[in-house]
Protein backbone atom coordinates (compact mmCIF):
# COMPACT_ATOMS: atom_id res chain seq x y z
CA UNK A 1 222.88 33.49 155.01
CA UNK A 2 220.22 36.29 155.03
CA UNK A 3 220.82 39.46 157.05
CA UNK A 4 217.83 38.97 159.42
CA UNK A 5 218.85 35.45 160.79
CA UNK A 6 218.55 35.17 164.55
CA UNK A 7 221.15 33.62 166.75
CA UNK A 8 220.07 30.46 168.51
CA UNK A 9 219.75 30.14 172.25
CA UNK A 10 218.95 33.87 172.90
CA UNK A 11 215.18 33.36 173.65
CA UNK A 12 214.16 34.98 170.36
CA UNK A 13 215.62 38.35 171.20
CA UNK A 14 217.50 38.60 168.00
CA UNK A 15 220.97 39.61 168.94
CA UNK A 16 223.26 41.01 166.09
CA UNK A 17 225.29 38.41 164.21
CA UNK A 18 228.55 40.21 163.95
CA UNK A 19 230.55 37.04 164.02
CA UNK A 20 229.05 36.06 160.67
CA UNK A 21 229.90 39.50 159.24
CA UNK A 22 226.28 40.58 159.07
CA UNK A 23 224.01 42.37 161.41
CA UNK A 24 220.37 42.09 162.07
CA UNK A 25 218.41 45.13 160.85
CA UNK A 26 214.98 43.40 161.37
CA UNK A 27 212.63 45.45 163.76
CA UNK A 28 215.27 47.41 165.53
CA UNK A 29 217.30 44.30 166.64
CA UNK A 30 220.54 46.08 165.85
CA UNK A 31 219.77 48.83 168.42
CA UNK A 32 218.72 46.27 170.93
CA UNK A 33 221.94 44.47 170.56
CA UNK A 34 223.88 47.70 171.07
CA UNK A 35 221.83 48.44 174.19
CA UNK A 36 222.64 44.99 175.64
CA UNK A 37 226.30 45.48 174.87
CA UNK A 38 226.27 48.80 176.50
CA UNK A 39 224.74 47.33 179.62
CA UNK A 40 227.22 44.41 179.73
CA UNK A 41 230.07 46.93 179.59
CA UNK A 42 228.59 48.94 182.46
CA UNK A 43 228.07 45.91 184.51
CA UNK A 44 224.21 46.22 184.61
CA UNK A 45 223.34 42.66 183.67
CA UNK A 46 222.15 41.87 187.20
CA UNK A 47 218.55 42.34 188.16
CA UNK A 48 217.69 44.24 191.27
CA UNK A 49 217.04 41.30 193.50
CA UNK A 50 220.29 39.59 192.29
CA UNK A 51 222.18 42.26 194.17
CA UNK A 52 220.82 40.99 197.46
CA UNK A 53 222.46 38.29 199.44
CA UNK A 54 221.29 34.80 198.36
CA UNK A 55 219.25 34.02 201.46
CA UNK A 56 217.24 37.28 201.22
CA UNK A 57 216.30 36.99 197.49
CA UNK A 58 213.27 34.64 197.74
CA UNK A 59 211.61 36.26 200.81
CA UNK A 60 212.06 39.81 199.44
CA UNK A 61 210.75 38.79 196.06
CA UNK A 62 207.79 37.00 197.49
CA UNK A 63 206.94 39.93 199.73
CA UNK A 64 207.20 42.41 196.77
CA UNK A 65 205.06 40.14 194.59
CA UNK A 66 202.35 39.77 197.26
CA UNK A 67 202.32 43.51 197.99
CA UNK A 68 201.94 44.36 194.32
CA UNK A 69 199.09 41.74 194.12
CA UNK A 70 197.25 43.13 197.07
CA UNK A 71 197.53 46.68 195.87
CA UNK A 72 196.26 45.61 192.40
CA UNK A 73 193.32 43.79 193.93
CA UNK A 74 192.42 46.72 196.29
CA UNK A 75 193.00 49.52 193.70
CA UNK A 76 189.37 49.70 192.49
CA UNK A 77 187.76 49.76 196.01
CA UNK A 78 190.37 52.37 197.22
CA UNK A 79 189.72 54.56 194.21
CA UNK A 80 185.84 54.21 194.71
CA UNK A 81 186.29 55.27 198.34
CA UNK A 82 188.30 58.35 197.29
CA UNK A 83 185.63 59.38 194.78
CA UNK A 84 182.86 58.75 197.33
CA UNK A 85 184.51 60.82 199.86
CA UNK A 86 185.45 63.76 197.52
CA UNK A 87 182.24 63.92 195.43
CA UNK A 88 179.60 62.61 198.02
CA UNK A 89 178.22 60.21 195.43
CA UNK A 90 176.99 56.63 195.74
CA UNK A 91 179.29 53.72 195.31
CA UNK A 92 177.94 52.66 191.95
CA UNK A 93 178.48 56.15 190.44
CA UNK A 94 181.93 56.17 191.93
CA UNK A 95 182.58 52.75 190.39
CA UNK A 96 181.45 54.06 186.88
CA UNK A 97 183.60 57.10 187.40
CA UNK A 98 186.67 55.00 188.17
CA UNK A 99 186.01 52.73 185.23
CA UNK A 100 185.70 55.71 182.82
CA UNK A 101 188.70 57.43 184.18
CA UNK A 102 190.81 54.24 183.73
CA UNK A 103 189.84 54.30 180.08
CA UNK A 104 191.82 57.55 179.47
CA UNK A 105 195.11 56.29 178.01
CA UNK A 106 197.88 57.99 180.23
CA UNK A 107 196.30 60.56 182.60
CA UNK A 108 193.49 58.24 183.50
CA UNK A 109 195.94 55.44 184.59
CA UNK A 110 197.99 57.99 186.68
CA UNK A 111 194.75 59.30 188.20
CA UNK A 112 193.63 55.65 188.86
CA UNK A 113 196.94 55.03 190.74
CA UNK A 114 196.76 58.33 192.59
CA UNK A 115 193.12 57.84 193.71
CA UNK A 116 194.19 54.37 194.92
CA UNK A 117 197.01 55.75 197.10
CA UNK A 118 194.78 58.46 198.51
CA UNK A 119 192.08 55.87 199.15
CA UNK A 120 194.60 53.77 200.95
CA UNK A 121 195.47 56.63 203.19
CA UNK A 122 191.74 57.24 203.91
CA UNK A 123 191.21 53.58 204.78
CA UNK A 124 194.35 53.47 207.03
CA UNK A 125 193.29 56.74 208.74
CA UNK A 126 189.81 55.22 209.38
CA UNK A 127 191.17 52.11 211.08
CA UNK A 128 190.92 49.80 207.95
CA UNK A 129 187.25 50.53 207.77
CA UNK A 130 185.89 51.14 204.34
CA UNK A 131 182.57 52.64 205.63
CA UNK A 132 184.53 54.89 208.04
CA UNK A 133 186.93 56.01 205.18
CA UNK A 134 184.10 57.20 203.11
CA UNK A 135 183.08 59.72 205.87
CA UNK A 136 179.71 60.80 207.23
CA UNK A 137 178.07 60.33 203.85
CA UNK A 138 175.47 57.62 203.90
CA UNK A 139 174.30 55.95 200.67
């Protein structure tokens, strides 16, 4: 049996096959197997929501999912509001700026997330009015 044979029923993860006297060395699967064994020894097999009582798992999961979805949908407009307020530019220039900033590999994505949070603060402070959140600047 070759050394990179995968065990069945493990969703293609490629656990090590120590029972057969060989280990998988293909694409770092050996270290993945060691990490999973370490997590099992520490009792960290459960996901975050599995630690909640059973009746609360589904409502909490649905609420978290919808809040992440809403924030991801509103991230671009909130970032545009922040740039419009800070730089006093029109919405289409702010939209181009947000797009260009989001192309930067790491810093741009953190800036995109930070601009979204700041824009969320401005919109909440203005009573959930995007035009009020921009400030006195008129396009």
